[in-house]
Amino acid sequence: MIAAFGTEKSLLAVNSNRVAIEASIKIQGAMGLTLADPVAMAVALDPAIVTRQGKYFVDVETTSDLTRGMTVVDQLGVLDKQPNITVVWEIDIPRWKEILYSCLKA
């Protein structure tokens, strides 16, 4: 669909992510690709697209062999630490697609 826009930006986006899309489908059985960076940019451009968020203590695991590098969100407050990050859980997907597509069509 995005390639059909026929712009330099849309073709770059599709071609840059081709291997990631194939891996996502093959390894995870997903129907496409998670686009965390474009979501973050859309939230920065239009915070109103956020439909569910919360403030939590968040840290990155650095010592465990099993979970090293994982982001840990203390949703239950079990660590008894002050929240340090706002976590976005859900966005208005149709609005996000509108923002993404308008950028790629330009």
PDB file of N, CA and C in Angstrom:
ATOM      1  N   MET A   1       0.822  -1.201   0.000  1.00  0.00           N
ATOM      2  CA  MET A   1       0.000   0.000   0.000  1.00  0.00           C
ATOM      3  C   MET A   1       0.859   1.255   0.000  1.00  0.00           C
ATOM      4  N   ILE A   2       1.856   1.308   0.901  1.00  0.00           N
ATOM      5  CA  ILE A   2       2.684   2.505   0.998  1.00  0.00           C
ATOM      6  C   ILE A   2       3.500   2.706  -0.277  1.00  0.00           C
ATOM      7  N   ALA A   3       3.988   1.626  -0.865  1.00  0.00           N
ATOM      8  CA  ALA A   3       4.747   1.746  -2.106  1.00  0.00           C
ATOM      9  C   ALA A   3       3.894   2.355  -3.211  1.00  0.00           C
ATOM     10  N   ALA A   4       2.590   2.119  -3.155  1.00  0.00           N
ATOM     11  CA  ALA A   4       1.680   2.643  -4.179  1.00  0.00           C
ATOM     12  C   ALA A   4       1.602   4.170  -4.163  1.00  0.00           C
ATOM     13  N   PHE A   5       2.054   4.808  -3.071  1.00  0.00           N
ATOM     14  CA  PHE A   5       2.067   6.276  -3.046  1.00  0.00           C
ATOM     15  C   PHE A   5       3.011   6.797  -4.128  1.00  0.00           C
ATOM     16  N   GLY A   6       4.053   6.022  -4.436  1.00  0.00           N
ATOM     17  CA  GLY A   6       4.953   6.365  -5.523  1.00  0.00           C
ATOM     18  C   GLY A   6       5.880   7.541  -5.276  1.00  0.00           C
ATOM     19  N   THR A   7       5.997   7.979  -4.047  1.00  0.00           N
ATOM     20  CA  THR A   7       6.909   9.086  -3.747  1.00  0.00           C
ATOM     21  C   THR A   7       8.268   8.529  -3.340  1.00  0.00           C
ATOM     22  N   GLU A   8       9.286   9.384  -3.389  1.00  0.00           N
ATOM     23  CA  GLU A   8      10.619   8.960  -2.952  1.00  0.00           C
ATOM     24  C   GLU A   8      10.577   8.487  -1.496  1.00  0.00           C
ATOM     25  N   LYS A   9       9.857   9.219  -0.654  1.00  0.00           N
ATOM     26  CA  LYS A   9       9.783   8.872   0.771  1.00  0.00           C
ATOM     27  C   LYS A   9       9.098   7.522   0.983  1.00  0.00           C
ATOM     28  N   SER A  10       8.002   7.287   0.269  1.00  0.00           N
ATOM     29  CA  SER A  10       7.289   6.018   0.475  1.00  0.00           C
ATOM     30  C   SER A  10       8.114   4.842  -0.018  1.00  0.00           C
ATOM     31  N   LEU A  11       8.794   5.002  -1.141  1.00  0.00           N
ATOM     32  CA  LEU A  11       9.629   3.916  -1.660  1.00  0.00           C
ATOM     33  C   LEU A  11      10.833   3.675  -0.756  1.00  0.00           C
ATOM     34  N   LEU A  12      11.418   4.738  -0.212  1.00  0.00           N
ATOM     35  CA  LEU A  12      12.524   4.588   0.733  1.00  0.00           C
ATOM     36  C   LEU A  12      12.055   3.836   1.979  1.00  0.00           C
ATOM     37  N   ALA A  13      10.880   4.202   2.492  1.00  0.00           N
ATOM     38  CA  ALA A  13      10.350   3.547   3.691  1.00  0.00           C
ATOM     39  C   ALA A  13      10.139   2.057   3.450  1.00  0.00           C
ATOM     40  N   VAL A  14       9.561   1.701   2.333  1.00  0.00           N
ATOM     41  CA  VAL A  14       9.297   0.289   2.022  1.00  0.00           C
ATOM     42  C   VAL A  14      10.604  -0.458   1.793  1.00  0.00           C
ATOM     43  N   ASN A  15      11.492   0.100   0.998  1.00  0.00           N
ATOM     44  CA  ASN A  15      12.743  -0.586   0.683  1.00  0.00           C
ATOM     45  C   ASN A  15      13.660  -0.698   1.900  1.00  0.00           C
ATOM     46  N   SER A  16      13.663   0.301   2.761  1.00  0.00           N
ATOM     47  CA  SER A  16      14.496   0.282   3.964  1.00  0.00           C
ATOM     48  C   SER A  16      14.027  -0.775   4.951  1.00  0.00           C
ATOM     49  N   ASN A  17      12.756  -1.086   4.923  1.00  0.00           N
ATOM     50  CA  ASN A  17      12.180  -2.007   5.907  1.00  0.00           C
ATOM     51  C   ASN A  17      11.874  -3.387   5.340  1.00  0.00           C
ATOM     52  N   ARG A  18      12.234  -3.628   4.094  1.00  0.00           N
ATOM     53  CA  ARG A  18      11.880  -4.896   3.441  1.00  0.00           C
ATOM     54  C   ARG A  18      12.381  -6.114   4.227  1.00  0.00           C
ATOM     55  N   VAL A  19      13.642  -6.144   4.635  1.00  0.00           N
ATOM     56  CA  VAL A  19      14.200  -7.283   5.360  1.00  0.00           C
ATOM     57  C   VAL A  19      13.531  -7.415   6.724  1.00  0.00           C
ATOM     58  N   ALA A  20      13.301  -6.289   7.393  1.00  0.00           N
ATOM     59  CA  ALA A  20      12.649  -6.320   8.706  1.00  0.00           C
ATOM     60  C   ALA A  20      11.223  -6.857   8.584  1.00  0.00           C
ATOM     61  N   ILE A  21      10.523  -6.471   7.554  1.00  0.00           N
ATOM     62  CA  ILE A  21       9.153  -6.952   7.336  1.00  0.00           C
ATOM     63  C   ILE A  21       9.166  -8.465   7.099  1.00  0.00           C
ATOM     64  N   GLU A  22      10.069  -8.924   6.249  1.00  0.00           N
ATOM     65  CA  GLU A  22      10.163 -10.363   5.964  1.00  0.00           C
ATOM     66  C   GLU A  22      10.502 -11.151   7.224  1.00  0.00           C
ATOM     67  N   ALA A  23      11.427 -10.637   8.035  1.00  0.00           N
ATOM     68  CA  ALA A  23      11.802 -11.315   9.282  1.00  0.00           C
ATOM     69  C   ALA A  23      10.632 -11.328  10.260  1.00  0.00           C
ATOM     70  N   SER A  24       9.905 -10.242  10.336  1.00  0.00           N
ATOM     71  CA  SER A  24       8.756 -10.158  11.242  1.00  0.00           C
ATOM     72  C   SER A  24       7.700 -11.195  10.866  1.00  0.00           C
ATOM     73  N   ILE A  25       7.462 -11.332   9.594  1.00  0.00           N
ATOM     74  CA  ILE A  25       6.471 -12.300   9.121  1.00  0.00           C
ATOM     75  C   ILE A  25       6.969 -13.728   9.366  1.00  0.00           C
ATOM     76  N   LYS A  26       8.226 -13.997   9.017  1.00  0.00           N
ATOM     77  CA  LYS A  26       8.784 -15.352   9.125  1.00  0.00           C
ATOM     78  C   LYS A  26       9.003 -15.776  10.574  1.00  0.00           C
ATOM     79  N   ILE A  27       9.606 -14.912  11.381  1.00  0.00           N
ATOM     80  CA  ILE A  27       9.989 -15.291  12.742  1.00  0.00           C
ATOM     81  C   ILE A  27       8.834 -15.163  13.727  1.00  0.00           C
ATOM     82  N   GLN A  28       8.070 -14.066  13.628  1.00  0.00           N
ATOM     83  CA  GLN A  28       7.009 -13.808  14.598  1.00  0.00           C
ATOM     84  C   GLN A  28       5.626 -14.182  14.098  1.00  0.00           C
ATOM     85  N   GLY A  29       5.514 -14.461  12.816  1.00  0.00           N
ATOM     86  CA  GLY A  29       4.207 -14.747  12.255  1.00  0.00           C
ATOM     87  C   GLY A  29       3.326 -13.512  12.203  1.00  0.00           C
ATOM     88  N   ALA A  30       3.954 -12.340  12.263  1.00  0.00           N
ATOM     89  CA  ALA A  30       3.209 -11.079  12.245  1.00  0.00           C
ATOM     90  C   ALA A  30       2.733 -10.773  10.830  1.00  0.00           C
ATOM     91  N   MET A  31       1.749  -9.901  10.730  1.00  0.00           N
ATOM     92  CA  MET A  31       1.229  -9.519   9.425  1.00  0.00           C
ATOM     93  C   MET A  31       1.994  -8.344   8.834  1.00  0.00           C
ATOM     94  N   GLY A  32       2.873  -7.781   9.611  1.00  0.00           N
ATOM     95  CA  GLY A  32       3.622  -6.624   9.140  1.00  0.00           C
ATOM     96  C   GLY A  32       4.734  -6.294  10.104  1.00  0.00           C
ATOM     97  N   LEU A  33       5.008  -5.020  10.241  1.00  0.00           N
ATOM     98  CA  LEU A  33       6.138  -4.558  11.023  1.00  0.00           C
ATOM     99  C   LEU A  33       5.680  -3.568  12.074  1.00  0.00           C
ATOM    100  N   THR A  34       6.228  -3.708  13.274  1.00  0.00           N
ATOM    101  CA  THR A  34       5.966  -2.730  14.321  1.00  0.00           C
ATOM    102  C   THR A  34       6.794  -1.491  14.015  1.00  0.00           C
ATOM    103  N   LEU A  35       6.193  -0.346  14.020  1.00  0.00           N
ATOM    104  CA  LEU A  35       6.881   0.892  13.657  1.00  0.00           C
ATOM    105  C   LEU A  35       6.987   1.822  14.859  1.00  0.00           C
ATOM    106  N   ALA A  36       7.822   1.427  15.816  1.00  0.00           N
ATOM    107  CA  ALA A  36       7.941   2.190  17.059  1.00  0.00           C
ATOM    108  C   ALA A  36       8.436   3.610  16.830  1.00  0.00           C
ATOM    109  N   ASP A  37       9.424   3.796  15.974  1.00  0.00           N
ATOM    110  CA  ASP A  37       9.962   5.143  15.760  1.00  0.00           C
ATOM    111  C   ASP A  37       8.935   6.081  15.119  1.00  0.00           C
ATOM    112  N   PRO A  38       8.232   5.656  14.066  1.00  0.00           N
ATOM    113  CA  PRO A  38       7.206   6.539  13.516  1.00  0.00           C
ATOM    114  C   PRO A  38       6.070   6.828  14.501  1.00  0.00           C
ATOM    115  N   VAL A  39       5.759   5.870  15.381  1.00  0.00           N
ATOM    116  CA  VAL A  39       4.742   6.124  16.406  1.00  0.00           C
ATOM    117  C   VAL A  39       5.251   7.199  17.362  1.00  0.00           C
ATOM    118  N   ALA A  40       6.501   7.065  17.802  1.00  0.00           N
ATOM    119  CA  ALA A  40       7.070   8.060  18.720  1.00  0.00           C
ATOM    120  C   ALA A  40       7.096   9.449  18.080  1.00  0.00           C
ATOM    121  N   MET A  41       7.443   9.515  16.809  1.00  0.00           N
ATOM    122  CA  MET A  41       7.461  10.817  16.125  1.00  0.00           C
ATOM    123  C   MET A  41       6.055  11.390  16.012  1.00  0.00           C
ATOM    124  N   ALA A  42       5.081  10.533  15.722  1.00  0.00           N
ATOM    125  CA  ALA A  42       3.699  11.009  15.615  1.00  0.00           C
ATOM    126  C   ALA A  42       3.204  11.533  16.958  1.00  0.00           C
ATOM    127  N   VAL A  43       3.558  10.850  18.050  1.00  0.00           N
ATOM    128  CA  VAL A  43       3.165  11.314  19.387  1.00  0.00           C
ATOM    129  C   VAL A  43       3.800  12.665  19.674  1.00  0.00           C
ATOM    130  N   ALA A  44       5.058  12.841  19.265  1.00  0.00           N
ATOM    131  CA  ALA A  44       5.730  14.127  19.463  1.00  0.00           C
ATOM    132  C   ALA A  44       5.064  15.234  18.647  1.00  0.00           C
ATOM    133  N   LEU A  45       4.631  14.901  17.438  1.00  0.00           N
ATOM    134  CA  LEU A  45       3.978  15.892  16.573  1.00  0.00           C
ATOM    135  C   LEU A  45       2.548  16.193  16.992  1.00  0.00           C
ATOM    136  N   ASP A  46       1.846  15.168  17.467  1.00  0.00           N
ATOM    137  CA  ASP A  46       0.432  15.313  17.811  1.00  0.00           C
ATOM    138  C   ASP A  46       0.108  14.473  19.048  1.00  0.00           C
ATOM    139  N   PRO A  47       0.424  14.976  20.256  1.00  0.00           N
ATOM    140  CA  PRO A  47       0.191  14.213  21.476  1.00  0.00           C
ATOM    141  C   PRO A  47      -1.265  13.783  21.672  1.00  0.00           C
ATOM    142  N   ALA A  48      -2.182  14.415  20.973  1.00  0.00           N
ATOM    143  CA  ALA A  48      -3.599  14.066  21.106  1.00  0.00           C
ATOM    144  C   ALA A  48      -3.904  12.673  20.559  1.00  0.00           C
ATOM    145  N   ILE A  49      -2.985  12.051  19.814  1.00  0.00           N
ATOM    146  CA  ILE A  49      -3.256  10.699  19.311  1.00  0.00           C
ATOM    147  C   ILE A  49      -3.124   9.653  20.412  1.00  0.00           C
ATOM    148  N   VAL A  50      -2.546  10.024  21.558  1.00  0.00           N
ATOM    149  CA  VAL A  50      -2.398   9.083  22.670  1.00  0.00           C
ATOM    150  C   VAL A  50      -3.765   8.882  23.323  1.00  0.00           C
ATOM    151  N   THR A  51      -4.175   7.617  23.430  1.00  0.00           N
ATOM    152  CA  THR A  51      -5.469   7.315  24.045  1.00  0.00           C
ATOM    153  C   THR A  51      -5.337   6.657  25.419  1.00  0.00           C
ATOM    154  N   ARG A  52      -4.143   6.113  25.715  1.00  0.00           N
ATOM    155  CA  ARG A  52      -3.916   5.539  27.053  1.00  0.00           C
ATOM    156  C   ARG A  52      -2.435   5.624  27.376  1.00  0.00           C
ATOM    157  N   GLN A  53      -2.161   6.239  28.529  1.00  0.00           N
ATOM    158  CA  GLN A  53      -0.780   6.385  28.980  1.00  0.00           C
ATOM    159  C   GLN A  53      -0.749   6.406  30.500  1.00  0.00           C
ATOM    160  N   GLY A  54       0.433   6.301  31.048  1.00  0.00           N
ATOM    161  CA  GLY A  54       0.579   6.367  32.497  1.00  0.00           C
ATOM    162  C   GLY A  54       2.017   6.660  32.857  1.00  0.00           C
ATOM    163  N   LYS A  55       2.207   7.106  34.078  1.00  0.00           N
ATOM    164  CA  LYS A  55       3.544   7.428  34.582  1.00  0.00           C
ATOM    165  C   LYS A  55       4.007   6.247  35.448  1.00  0.00           C
ATOM    166  N   TYR A  56       5.203   5.708  35.141  1.00  0.00           N
ATOM    167  CA  TYR A  56       5.721   4.524  35.815  1.00  0.00           C
ATOM    168  C   TYR A  56       7.219   4.656  36.038  1.00  0.00           C
ATOM    169  N   PHE A  57       7.732   3.849  36.964  1.00  0.00           N
ATOM    170  CA  PHE A  57       9.176   3.696  37.064  1.00  0.00           C
ATOM    171  C   PHE A  57       9.582   2.713  35.973  1.00  0.00           C
ATOM    172  N   VAL A  58      10.546   3.120  35.144  1.00  0.00           N
ATOM    173  CA  VAL A  58      11.017   2.296  34.040  1.00  0.00           C
ATOM    174  C   VAL A  58      12.536   2.224  34.115  1.00  0.00           C
ATOM    175  N   ASP A  59      13.071   1.039  33.878  1.00  0.00           N
ATOM    176  CA  ASP A  59      14.516   0.841  33.881  1.00  0.00           C
ATOM    177  C   ASP A  59      14.853  -0.200  32.823  1.00  0.00           C
ATOM    178  N   VAL A  60      16.128  -0.305  32.502  1.00  0.00           N
ATOM    179  CA  VAL A  60      16.599  -1.305  31.554  1.00  0.00           C
ATOM    180  C   VAL A  60      17.424  -2.328  32.315  1.00  0.00           C
ATOM    181  N   GLU A  61      17.082  -3.595  32.165  1.00  0.00           N
ATOM    182  CA  GLU A  61      17.792  -4.692  32.830  1.00  0.00           C
ATOM    183  C   GLU A  61      19.193  -4.823  32.235  1.00  0.00           C
ATOM    184  N   THR A  62      20.196  -4.842  33.086  1.00  0.00           N
ATOM    185  CA  THR A  62      21.576  -4.921  32.595  1.00  0.00           C
ATOM    186  C   THR A  62      22.370  -6.092  33.171  1.00  0.00           C
ATOM    187  N   THR A  63      21.800  -6.841  34.104  1.00  0.00           N
ATOM    188  CA  THR A  63      22.589  -7.881  34.762  1.00  0.00           C
ATOM    189  C   THR A  63      22.132  -9.307  34.481  1.00  0.00           C
ATOM    190  N   SER A  64      20.910  -9.525  34.131  1.00  0.00           N
ATOM    191  CA  SER A  64      20.389 -10.877  33.929  1.00  0.00           C
ATOM    192  C   SER A  64      20.747 -11.413  32.545  1.00  0.00           C
ATOM    193  N   ASP A  65      21.206 -12.655  32.497  1.00  0.00           N
ATOM    194  CA  ASP A  65      21.479 -13.278  31.202  1.00  0.00           C
ATOM    195  C   ASP A  65      20.195 -13.472  30.393  1.00  0.00           C
ATOM    196  N   LEU A  66      19.097 -13.734  31.084  1.00  0.00           N
ATOM    197  CA  LEU A  66      17.831 -14.007  30.417  1.00  0.00           C
ATOM    198  C   LEU A  66      17.162 -12.740  29.883  1.00  0.00           C
ATOM    199  N   THR A  67      17.236 -11.667  30.638  1.00  0.00           N
ATOM    200  CA  THR A  67      16.468 -10.470  30.267  1.00  0.00           C
ATOM    201  C   THR A  67      17.340  -9.246  29.995  1.00  0.00           C
ATOM    202  N   ARG A  68      18.636  -9.402  29.845  1.00  0.00           N
ATOM    203  CA  ARG A  68      19.537  -8.269  29.613  1.00  0.00           C
ATOM    204  C   ARG A  68      19.065  -7.448  28.410  1.00  0.00           C
ATOM    205  N   GLY A  69      18.973  -6.145  28.620  1.00  0.00           N
ATOM    206  CA  GLY A  69      18.553  -5.230  27.564  1.00  0.00           C
ATOM    207  C   GLY A  69      17.054  -4.989  27.512  1.00  0.00           C
ATOM    208  N   MET A  70      16.287  -5.722  28.308  1.00  0.00           N
ATOM    209  CA  MET A  70      14.831  -5.549  28.294  1.00  0.00           C
ATOM    210  C   MET A  70      14.428  -4.320  29.098  1.00  0.00           C
ATOM    211  N   THR A  71      13.426  -3.635  28.617  1.00  0.00           N
ATOM    212  CA  THR A  71      12.856  -2.514  29.343  1.00  0.00           C
ATOM    213  C   THR A  71      11.850  -3.061  30.346  1.00  0.00           C
ATOM    214  N   VAL A  72      11.990  -2.641  31.588  1.00  0.00           N
ATOM    215  CA  VAL A  72      11.103  -3.104  32.656  1.00  0.00           C
ATOM    216  C   VAL A  72      10.224  -1.936  33.085  1.00  0.00           C
ATOM    217  N   VAL A  73       8.921  -2.124  32.986  1.00  0.00           N
ATOM    218  CA  VAL A  73       7.952  -1.113  33.405  1.00  0.00           C
ATOM    219  C   VAL A  73       7.278  -1.626  34.674  1.00  0.00           C
ATOM    220  N   ASP A  74       7.478  -0.913  35.784  1.00  0.00           N
ATOM    221  CA  ASP A  74       6.903  -1.332  37.064  1.00  0.00           C
ATOM    222  C   ASP A  74       5.465  -0.818  37.156  1.00  0.00           C
ATOM    223  N   GLN A  75       4.559  -1.541  36.501  1.00  0.00           N
ATOM    224  CA  GLN A  75       3.150  -1.134  36.469  1.00  0.00           C
ATOM    225  C   GLN A  75       2.466  -1.277  37.820  1.00  0.00           C
ATOM    226  N   LEU A  76       2.961  -2.185  38.643  1.00  0.00           N
ATOM    227  CA  LEU A  76       2.317  -2.475  39.917  1.00  0.00           C
ATOM    228  C   LEU A  76       2.953  -1.736  41.094  1.00  0.00           C
ATOM    229  N   GLY A  77       4.047  -1.036  40.859  1.00  0.00           N
ATOM    230  CA  GLY A  77       4.694  -0.306  41.937  1.00  0.00           C
ATOM    231  C   GLY A  77       5.420  -1.192  42.922  1.00  0.00           C
ATOM    232  N   VAL A  78       5.798  -2.390  42.527  1.00  0.00           N
ATOM    233  CA  VAL A  78       6.455  -3.322  43.449  1.00  0.00           C
ATOM    234  C   VAL A  78       7.872  -2.897  43.822  1.00  0.00           C
ATOM    235  N   LEU A  79       8.501  -2.068  43.006  1.00  0.00           N
ATOM    236  CA  LEU A  79       9.864  -1.622  43.308  1.00  0.00           C
ATOM    237  C   LEU A  79       9.894  -0.431  44.253  1.00  0.00           C
ATOM    238  N   ASP A  80       8.724   0.150  44.513  1.00  0.00           N
ATOM    239  CA  ASP A  80       8.599   1.293  45.419  1.00  0.00           C
ATOM    240  C   ASP A  80       9.531   2.440  45.020  1.00  0.00           C
ATOM    241  N   LYS A  81       9.574   2.723  43.709  1.00  0.00           N
ATOM    242  CA  LYS A  81      10.381   3.820  43.189  1.00  0.00           C
ATOM    243  C   LYS A  81       9.470   4.822  42.503  1.00  0.00           C
ATOM    244  N   GLN A  82       9.889   6.071  42.526  1.00  0.00           N
ATOM    245  CA  GLN A  82       9.104   7.138  41.916  1.00  0.00           C
ATOM    246  C   GLN A  82       9.026   6.942  40.401  1.00  0.00           C
ATOM    247  N   PRO A  83       7.864   7.204  39.818  1.00  0.00           N
ATOM    248  CA  PRO A  83       7.748   7.133  38.352  1.00  0.00           C
ATOM    249  C   PRO A  83       8.759   8.086  37.698  1.00  0.00           C
ATOM    250  N   ASN A  84       9.373   7.620  36.620  1.00  0.00           N
ATOM    251  CA  ASN A  84      10.360   8.449  35.932  1.00  0.00           C
ATOM    252  C   ASN A  84      10.085   8.607  34.441  1.00  0.00           C
ATOM    253  N   ILE A  85       9.048   7.929  33.953  1.00  0.00           N
ATOM    254  CA  ILE A  85       8.747   7.952  32.526  1.00  0.00           C
ATOM    255  C   ILE A  85       7.237   7.892  32.304  1.00  0.00           C
ATOM    256  N   THR A  86       6.780   8.606  31.289  1.00  0.00           N
ATOM    257  CA  THR A  86       5.405   8.432  30.830  1.00  0.00           C
ATOM    258  C   THR A  86       5.424   7.364  29.747  1.00  0.00           C
ATOM    259  N   VAL A  87       4.652   6.299  29.945  1.00  0.00           N
ATOM    260  CA  VAL A  87       4.576   5.196  28.995  1.00  0.00           C
ATOM    261  C   VAL A  87       3.274   5.329  28.211  1.00  0.00           C
ATOM    262  N   VAL A  88       3.389   5.306  26.897  1.00  0.00           N
ATOM    263  CA  VAL A  88       2.220   5.337  26.025  1.00  0.00           C
ATOM    264  C   VAL A  88       1.843   3.898  25.716  1.00  0.00           C
ATOM    265  N   TRP A  89       0.622   3.520  26.090  1.00  0.00           N
ATOM    266  CA  TRP A  89       0.142   2.150  25.880  1.00  0.00           C
ATOM    267  C   TRP A  89      -0.694   2.010  24.617  1.00  0.00           C
ATOM    268  N   GLU A  90      -1.461   3.044  24.286  1.00  0.00           N
ATOM    269  CA  GLU A  90      -2.348   2.958  23.118  1.00  0.00           C
ATOM    270  C   GLU A  90      -2.422   4.309  22.423  1.00  0.00           C
ATOM    271  N   ILE A  91      -2.617   4.235  21.115  1.00  0.00           N
ATOM    272  CA  ILE A  91      -2.793   5.454  20.326  1.00  0.00           C
ATOM    273  C   ILE A  91      -4.022   5.300  19.438  1.00  0.00           C
ATOM    274  N   ASP A  92      -4.467   6.410  18.892  1.00  0.00           N
ATOM    275  CA  ASP A  92      -5.547   6.424  17.913  1.00  0.00           C
ATOM    276  C   ASP A  92      -4.932   5.989  16.578  1.00  0.00           C
ATOM    277  N   ILE A  93      -5.073   4.714  16.242  1.00  0.00           N
ATOM    278  CA  ILE A  93      -4.395   4.155  15.074  1.00  0.00           C
ATOM    279  C   ILE A  93      -4.825   4.813  13.763  1.00  0.00           C
ATOM    280  N   PRO A  94      -6.121   5.042  13.527  1.00  0.00           N
ATOM    281  CA  PRO A  94      -6.482   5.726  12.279  1.00  0.00           C
ATOM    282  C   PRO A  94      -5.825   7.106  12.163  1.00  0.00           C
ATOM    283  N   ARG A  95      -5.768   7.846  13.269  1.00  0.00           N
ATOM    284  CA  ARG A  95      -5.116   9.165  13.239  1.00  0.00           C
ATOM    285  C   ARG A  95      -3.617   9.013  12.986  1.00  0.00           C
ATOM    286  N   TRP A  96      -2.987   7.994  13.591  1.00  0.00           N
ATOM    287  CA  TRP A  96      -1.562   7.749  13.372  1.00  0.00           C
ATOM    288  C   TRP A  96      -1.286   7.446  11.902  1.00  0.00           C
ATOM    289  N   LYS A  97      -2.105   6.593  11.315  1.00  0.00           N
ATOM    290  CA  LYS A  97      -1.924   6.264   9.901  1.00  0.00           C
ATOM    291  C   LYS A  97      -2.095   7.504   9.028  1.00  0.00           C
ATOM    292  N   GLU A  98      -3.021   8.351   9.396  1.00  0.00           N
ATOM    293  CA  GLU A  98      -3.232   9.595   8.660  1.00  0.00           C
ATOM    294  C   GLU A  98      -1.956  10.451   8.688  1.00  0.00           C
ATOM    295  N   ILE A  99      -1.338  10.565   9.851  1.00  0.00           N
ATOM    296  CA  ILE A  99      -0.102  11.337   9.985  1.00  0.00           C
ATOM    297  C   ILE A  99       1.016  10.685   9.167  1.00  0.00           C
ATOM    298  N   LEU A 100       1.183   9.373   9.324  1.00  0.00           N
ATOM    299  CA  LEU A 100       2.237   8.653   8.604  1.00  0.00           C
ATOM    300  C   LEU A 100       2.057   8.783   7.092  1.00  0.00           C
ATOM    301  N   TYR A 101       0.856   8.515   6.629  1.00  0.00           N
ATOM    302  CA  TYR A 101       0.608   8.556   5.184  1.00  0.00           C
ATOM    303  C   TYR A 101       0.805   9.961   4.622  1.00  0.00           C
ATOM    304  N   SER A 102       0.394  10.978   5.368  1.00  0.00           N
ATOM    305  CA  SER A 102       0.572  12.351   4.863  1.00  0.00           C
ATOM    306  C   SER A 102       2.048  12.692   4.743  1.00  0.00           C
ATOM    307  N   CYS A 103       2.878  12.163   5.647  1.00  0.00           N
ATOM    308  CA  CYS A 103       4.335  12.388   5.548  1.00  0.00           C
ATOM    309  C   CYS A 103       4.928  11.651   4.364  1.00  0.00           C
ATOM    310  N   LEU A 104       4.473  10.431   4.123  1.00  0.00           N
ATOM    311  CA  LEU A 104       5.037   9.625   3.048  1.00  0.00           C
ATOM    312  C   LEU A 104       4.525  10.015   1.662  1.00  0.00           C
ATOM    313  N   LYS A 105       3.371  10.667   1.617  1.00  0.00           N
ATOM    314  CA  LYS A 105       2.833  11.107   0.315  1.00  0.00           C
ATOM    315  C   LYS A 105       3.448  12.417  -0.152  1.00  0.00           C
ATOM    316  N   ALA A 106       4.030  13.162   0.772  1.00  0.00           N
ATOM    317  CA  ALA A 106       4.571  14.499   0.436  1.00  0.00           C
ATOM    318  C   ALA A 106       5.854  14.400  -0.353  1.00  0.00           C
TER     319      ALA A 106
END
